[in-house]
Amino acid sequence: MNTPLTVSVISPERVLFSGSARAVVAPAFDGEVGILAMHAPLMTVLGRGILRVETAEGERRFTVDGGFLQVVDDSVRVVTERAQEMGVPAA
């Protein structure tokens, strides 16, 4: 059974992404962390790098710099100090 994750990517300016995903790969402060459905609860500090969110429509990529990631009950919340979706011009 492939239960989707509920994912939110939030910066101080706006919500960059809110929706379902199959997987999330994030740049933690000490290396990458991968999140799939049924992941144990987790809280980690983010570093600088690429956040990848695998949706049914394809992969969405965001540059992030600092913040934190929380996983609880198939819900992933990324709150970052700075973020921009790759391939999307800055507003």
C-alpha atoms as a PDB file:
ATOM      1  CA  MET A   1       0.000   0.000   0.000  1.00  0.00           C
ATOM      2  CA  ASN A   2       1.444   3.350  -1.051  1.00  0.00           C
ATOM      3  CA  THR A   3       0.061   5.886   1.429  1.00  0.00           C
ATOM      4  CA  PRO A   4       0.888   9.424   0.322  1.00  0.00           C
ATOM      5  CA  LEU A   5       2.630  11.943   2.502  1.00  0.00           C
ATOM      6  CA  THR A   6       1.075  15.322   3.183  1.00  0.00           C
ATOM      7  CA  VAL A   7       3.822  17.879   2.572  1.00  0.00           C
ATOM      8  CA  SER A   8       4.101  21.608   3.289  1.00  0.00           C
ATOM      9  CA  VAL A   9       7.078  23.771   2.307  1.00  0.00           C
ATOM     10  CA  ILE A  10       6.872  27.134   4.039  1.00  0.00           C
ATOM     11  CA  SER A  11       9.138  30.187   3.921  1.00  0.00           C
ATOM     12  CA  PRO A  12       8.663  33.475   5.776  1.00  0.00           C
ATOM     13  CA  GLU A  13       7.188  34.996   2.600  1.00  0.00           C
ATOM     14  CA  ARG A  14       4.715  32.291   1.553  1.00  0.00           C
ATOM     15  CA  VAL A  15       3.716  28.648   1.269  1.00  0.00           C
ATOM     16  CA  LEU A  16       5.750  27.275  -1.652  1.00  0.00           C
ATOM     17  CA  PHE A  17       4.105  23.843  -1.742  1.00  0.00           C
ATOM     18  CA  SER A  18       1.213  22.136  -0.012  1.00  0.00           C
ATOM     19  CA  GLY A  19      -0.010  18.764  -1.228  1.00  0.00           C
ATOM     20  CA  SER A  20       0.549  15.015  -1.490  1.00  0.00           C
ATOM     21  CA  ALA A  21       3.862  13.378  -2.254  1.00  0.00           C
ATOM     22  CA  ARG A  22       5.375   9.910  -2.488  1.00  0.00           C
ATOM     23  CA  ALA A  23       8.723  10.908  -0.985  1.00  0.00           C
ATOM     24  CA  VAL A  24      10.760  13.844   0.291  1.00  0.00           C
ATOM     25  CA  VAL A  25      14.560  14.182   0.287  1.00  0.00           C
ATOM     26  CA  ALA A  26      15.877  17.110   2.332  1.00  0.00           C
ATOM     27  CA  PRO A  27      19.297  18.577   3.116  1.00  0.00           C
ATOM     28  CA  ALA A  28      19.639  18.143   6.880  1.00  0.00           C
ATOM     29  CA  PHE A  29      22.482  19.943   8.639  1.00  0.00           C
ATOM     30  CA  ASP A  30      24.642  16.784   8.578  1.00  0.00           C
ATOM     31  CA  GLY A  31      23.556  15.086   5.318  1.00  0.00           C
ATOM     32  CA  GLU A  32      20.477  14.195   3.314  1.00  0.00           C
ATOM     33  CA  VAL A  33      17.418  12.642   4.895  1.00  0.00           C
ATOM     34  CA  GLY A  34      14.819  10.668   2.945  1.00  0.00           C
ATOM     35  CA  ILE A  35      11.194  10.442   4.044  1.00  0.00           C
ATOM     36  CA  LEU A  36       8.663   7.840   2.868  1.00  0.00           C
ATOM     37  CA  ALA A  37       5.207   6.951   4.172  1.00  0.00           C
ATOM     38  CA  MET A  38       5.104   5.421   7.671  1.00  0.00           C
ATOM     39  CA  HIS A  39       8.378   7.154   8.657  1.00  0.00           C
ATOM     40  CA  ALA A  40       9.025   7.412  12.382  1.00  0.00           C
ATOM     41  CA  PRO A  41       8.450  10.833  13.956  1.00  0.00           C
ATOM     42  CA  LEU A  42      11.444  13.075  13.254  1.00  0.00           C
ATOM     43  CA  MET A  43      12.601  16.622  13.772  1.00  0.00           C
ATOM     44  CA  THR A  44      15.826  17.870  12.174  1.00  0.00           C
ATOM     45  CA  VAL A  45      17.569  21.128  11.410  1.00  0.00           C
ATOM     46  CA  LEU A  46      17.961  21.919   7.711  1.00  0.00           C
ATOM     47  CA  GLY A  47      21.188  22.934   6.068  1.00  0.00           C
ATOM     48  CA  ARG A  48      21.670  24.521   2.646  1.00  0.00           C
ATOM     49  CA  GLY A  49      20.828  22.517  -0.457  1.00  0.00           C
ATOM     50  CA  ILE A  50      18.105  21.044  -2.637  1.00  0.00           C
ATOM     51  CA  LEU A  51      14.793  19.842  -1.226  1.00  0.00           C
ATOM     52  CA  ARG A  52      13.149  17.267  -3.520  1.00  0.00           C
ATOM     53  CA  VAL A  53       9.433  16.472  -3.316  1.00  0.00           C
ATOM     54  CA  GLU A  54       8.285  13.514  -5.453  1.00  0.00           C
ATOM     55  CA  THR A  55       4.638  14.044  -6.416  1.00  0.00           C
ATOM     56  CA  ALA A  56       2.390  12.009  -8.728  1.00  0.00           C
ATOM     57  CA  GLU A  57       3.030  14.657 -11.415  1.00  0.00           C
ATOM     58  CA  GLY A  58       6.824  14.506 -11.053  1.00  0.00           C
ATOM     59  CA  GLU A  59       9.615  15.889  -8.928  1.00  0.00           C
ATOM     60  CA  ARG A  60       9.524  19.450  -7.567  1.00  0.00           C
ATOM     61  CA  ARG A  61      12.818  20.935  -6.434  1.00  0.00           C
ATOM     62  CA  PHE A  62      13.440  23.817  -4.056  1.00  0.00           C
ATOM     63  CA  THR A  63      16.627  25.494  -2.908  1.00  0.00           C
ATOM     64  CA  VAL A  64      16.509  25.872   0.861  1.00  0.00           C
ATOM     65  CA  ASP A  65      18.797  27.479   3.405  1.00  0.00           C
ATOM     66  CA  GLY A  66      18.238  26.793   7.098  1.00  0.00           C
ATOM     67  CA  GLY A  67      15.082  26.015   9.028  1.00  0.00           C
ATOM     68  CA  PHE A  68      13.713  22.678  10.151  1.00  0.00           C
ATOM     69  CA  LEU A  69      11.846  19.585   8.974  1.00  0.00           C
ATOM     70  CA  GLN A  70       9.232  17.746  11.040  1.00  0.00           C
ATOM     71  CA  VAL A  71       7.646  14.355  10.315  1.00  0.00           C
ATOM     72  CA  VAL A  72       4.551  13.230  12.257  1.00  0.00           C
ATOM     73  CA  ASP A  73       1.903  10.721  11.093  1.00  0.00           C
ATOM     74  CA  ASP A  74       2.757  10.834   7.348  1.00  0.00           C
ATOM     75  CA  SER A  75       2.818  14.632   7.463  1.00  0.00           C
ATOM     76  CA  VAL A  76       6.040  16.432   6.513  1.00  0.00           C
ATOM     77  CA  ARG A  77       6.411  20.097   7.370  1.00  0.00           C
ATOM     78  CA  VAL A  78       9.417  22.022   6.048  1.00  0.00           C
ATOM     79  CA  VAL A  79       9.829  25.507   7.508  1.00  0.00           C
ATOM     80  CA  THR A  80      12.810  27.253   5.979  1.00  0.00           C
ATOM     81  CA  GLU A  81      14.479  30.621   6.386  1.00  0.00           C
ATOM     82  CA  ARG A  82      14.989  31.004   2.634  1.00  0.00           C
ATOM     83  CA  ALA A  83      13.524  28.989  -0.233  1.00  0.00           C
ATOM     84  CA  GLN A  84      12.789  29.179  -3.930  1.00  0.00           C
ATOM     85  CA  GLU A  85      11.349  26.632  -6.314  1.00  0.00           C
ATOM     86  CA  MET A  86      13.919  25.739  -8.959  1.00  0.00           C
ATOM     87  CA  GLY A  87      12.843  26.659 -12.465  1.00  0.00           C
ATOM     88  CA  VAL A  88      10.427  29.309 -11.185  1.00  0.00           C
ATOM     89  CA  PRO A  89      11.519  32.981 -11.390  1.00  0.00           C
ATOM     90  CA  ALA A  90      11.824  34.873  -8.115  1.00  0.00           C
ATOM     91  CA  ALA A  91       8.800  37.016  -7.322  1.00  0.00           C
END
